[in-house]
Amino acid sequence: MKKLLILCLLAGFSASSHAARCADFATQQEAQEYMERTGDTRLDGDKDGEACKCLPGGSRYGSSVCRR
């Protein structure tokens, strides 16, 4: 029983430790909704409140500053 409890706890920690990246989303809106829902501001590199601005729908989509 102890082993099962430990295994469940470890599985929970590893699942919640996934850091979201802009590549995990298809559009800027999806990333924005995720950031607002979770409070995960790592998607907003310049801290202006807009997540993943290089994704489709973002303010810099298609700009030369976005990696292709």
C-alpha atoms as a PDB file:
ATOM      1  CA  MET A   1       0.000   0.000   0.000  1.00  0.00           C
ATOM      2  CA  LYS A   2       2.851   2.398   0.825  1.00  0.00           C
ATOM      3  CA  LYS A   3       4.464   1.733  -2.539  1.00  0.00           C
ATOM      4  CA  LEU A   4       1.207   2.485  -4.329  1.00  0.00           C
ATOM      5  CA  LEU A   5       0.803   5.761  -2.459  1.00  0.00           C
ATOM      6  CA  ILE A   6       4.366   6.815  -3.259  1.00  0.00           C
ATOM      7  CA  LEU A   7       3.909   5.889  -6.910  1.00  0.00           C
ATOM      8  CA  CYS A   8       0.708   7.945  -7.132  1.00  0.00           C
ATOM      9  CA  LEU A   9       2.375  10.949  -5.521  1.00  0.00           C
ATOM     10  CA  LEU A  10       5.352  10.779  -7.870  1.00  0.00           C
ATOM     11  CA  ALA A  11       3.092  10.483 -10.904  1.00  0.00           C
ATOM     12  CA  GLY A  12       1.189  13.576  -9.786  1.00  0.00           C
ATOM     13  CA  PHE A  13       4.358  15.612  -9.369  1.00  0.00           C
ATOM     14  CA  SER A  14       5.777  14.639 -12.734  1.00  0.00           C
ATOM     15  CA  ALA A  15       2.520  15.401 -14.551  1.00  0.00           C
ATOM     16  CA  SER A  16       2.205  18.844 -12.996  1.00  0.00           C
ATOM     17  CA  SER A  17       5.820  19.826 -13.617  1.00  0.00           C
ATOM     18  CA  HIS A  18       5.405  20.116 -17.405  1.00  0.00           C
ATOM     19  CA  ALA A  19       6.265  23.650 -18.407  1.00  0.00           C
ATOM     20  CA  ALA A  20       4.058  24.923 -21.201  1.00  0.00           C
ATOM     21  CA  ARG A  21       5.832  26.358 -24.233  1.00  0.00           C
ATOM     22  CA  CYS A  22       4.461  28.357 -27.125  1.00  0.00           C
ATOM     23  CA  ALA A  23       5.059  25.314 -29.350  1.00  0.00           C
ATOM     24  CA  ASP A  24       2.395  23.494 -27.304  1.00  0.00           C
ATOM     25  CA  PHE A  25      -0.331  25.758 -28.721  1.00  0.00           C
ATOM     26  CA  ALA A  26      -1.743  26.250 -32.226  1.00  0.00           C
ATOM     27  CA  THR A  27      -2.744  29.904 -31.768  1.00  0.00           C
ATOM     28  CA  GLN A  28      -1.912  32.890 -29.614  1.00  0.00           C
ATOM     29  CA  GLN A  29      -5.457  32.860 -28.242  1.00  0.00           C
ATOM     30  CA  GLU A  30      -5.038  29.295 -26.926  1.00  0.00           C
ATOM     31  CA  ALA A  31      -1.795  30.298 -25.223  1.00  0.00           C
ATOM     32  CA  GLN A  32      -3.388  33.468 -23.823  1.00  0.00           C
ATOM     33  CA  GLU A  33      -6.313  31.540 -22.350  1.00  0.00           C
ATOM     34  CA  TYR A  34      -3.931  29.025 -20.791  1.00  0.00           C
ATOM     35  CA  MET A  35      -1.766  31.784 -19.303  1.00  0.00           C
ATOM     36  CA  GLU A  36      -4.776  33.588 -17.847  1.00  0.00           C
ATOM     37  CA  ARG A  37      -6.316  30.378 -16.490  1.00  0.00           C
ATOM     38  CA  THR A  38      -3.130  29.049 -14.870  1.00  0.00           C
ATOM     39  CA  GLY A  39      -1.180  32.219 -14.121  1.00  0.00           C
ATOM     40  CA  ASP A  40       1.838  30.717 -15.927  1.00  0.00           C
ATOM     41  CA  THR A  41       3.571  33.875 -17.156  1.00  0.00           C
ATOM     42  CA  ARG A  42       6.511  32.036 -18.749  1.00  0.00           C
ATOM     43  CA  LEU A  43       4.595  32.288 -22.037  1.00  0.00           C
ATOM     44  CA  ASP A  44       4.983  36.077 -21.903  1.00  0.00           C
ATOM     45  CA  GLY A  45       8.690  36.694 -22.446  1.00  0.00           C
ATOM     46  CA  ASP A  46       8.561  40.490 -22.282  1.00  0.00           C
ATOM     47  CA  LYS A  47       5.907  40.653 -19.526  1.00  0.00           C
ATOM     48  CA  ASP A  48       3.509  42.847 -21.497  1.00  0.00           C
ATOM     49  CA  GLY A  49       0.512  40.593 -20.861  1.00  0.00           C
ATOM     50  CA  GLU A  50       0.433  38.951 -24.298  1.00  0.00           C
ATOM     51  CA  ALA A  51       1.388  35.284 -24.436  1.00  0.00           C
ATOM     52  CA  CYS A  52       3.182  33.794 -27.446  1.00  0.00           C
ATOM     53  CA  LYS A  53       2.859  36.817 -29.712  1.00  0.00           C
ATOM     54  CA  CYS A  54       4.605  35.006 -32.607  1.00  0.00           C
ATOM     55  CA  LEU A  55       1.847  32.410 -32.924  1.00  0.00           C
ATOM     56  CA  PRO A  56      -0.999  32.906 -35.436  1.00  0.00           C
ATOM     57  CA  GLY A  57      -3.217  35.680 -34.085  1.00  0.00           C
ATOM     58  CA  GLY A  58      -0.422  37.268 -32.052  1.00  0.00           C
ATOM     59  CA  SER A  59       0.721  40.862 -32.536  1.00  0.00           C
ATOM     60  CA  ARG A  60       4.077  39.784 -33.994  1.00  0.00           C
ATOM     61  CA  TYR A  61       2.945  36.838 -36.113  1.00  0.00           C
ATOM     62  CA  GLY A  62       4.931  36.853 -39.373  1.00  0.00           C
ATOM     63  CA  SER A  63       7.395  39.424 -38.042  1.00  0.00           C
ATOM     64  CA  SER A  64      11.123  39.018 -38.622  1.00  0.00           C
ATOM     65  CA  VAL A  65      11.698  38.762 -34.855  1.00  0.00           C
ATOM     66  CA  CYS A  66       9.825  35.444 -34.771  1.00  0.00           C
ATOM     67  CA  ARG A  67      11.857  32.300 -35.365  1.00  0.00           C
ATOM     68  CA  ARG A  68      10.690  30.238 -38.302  1.00  0.00           C
END
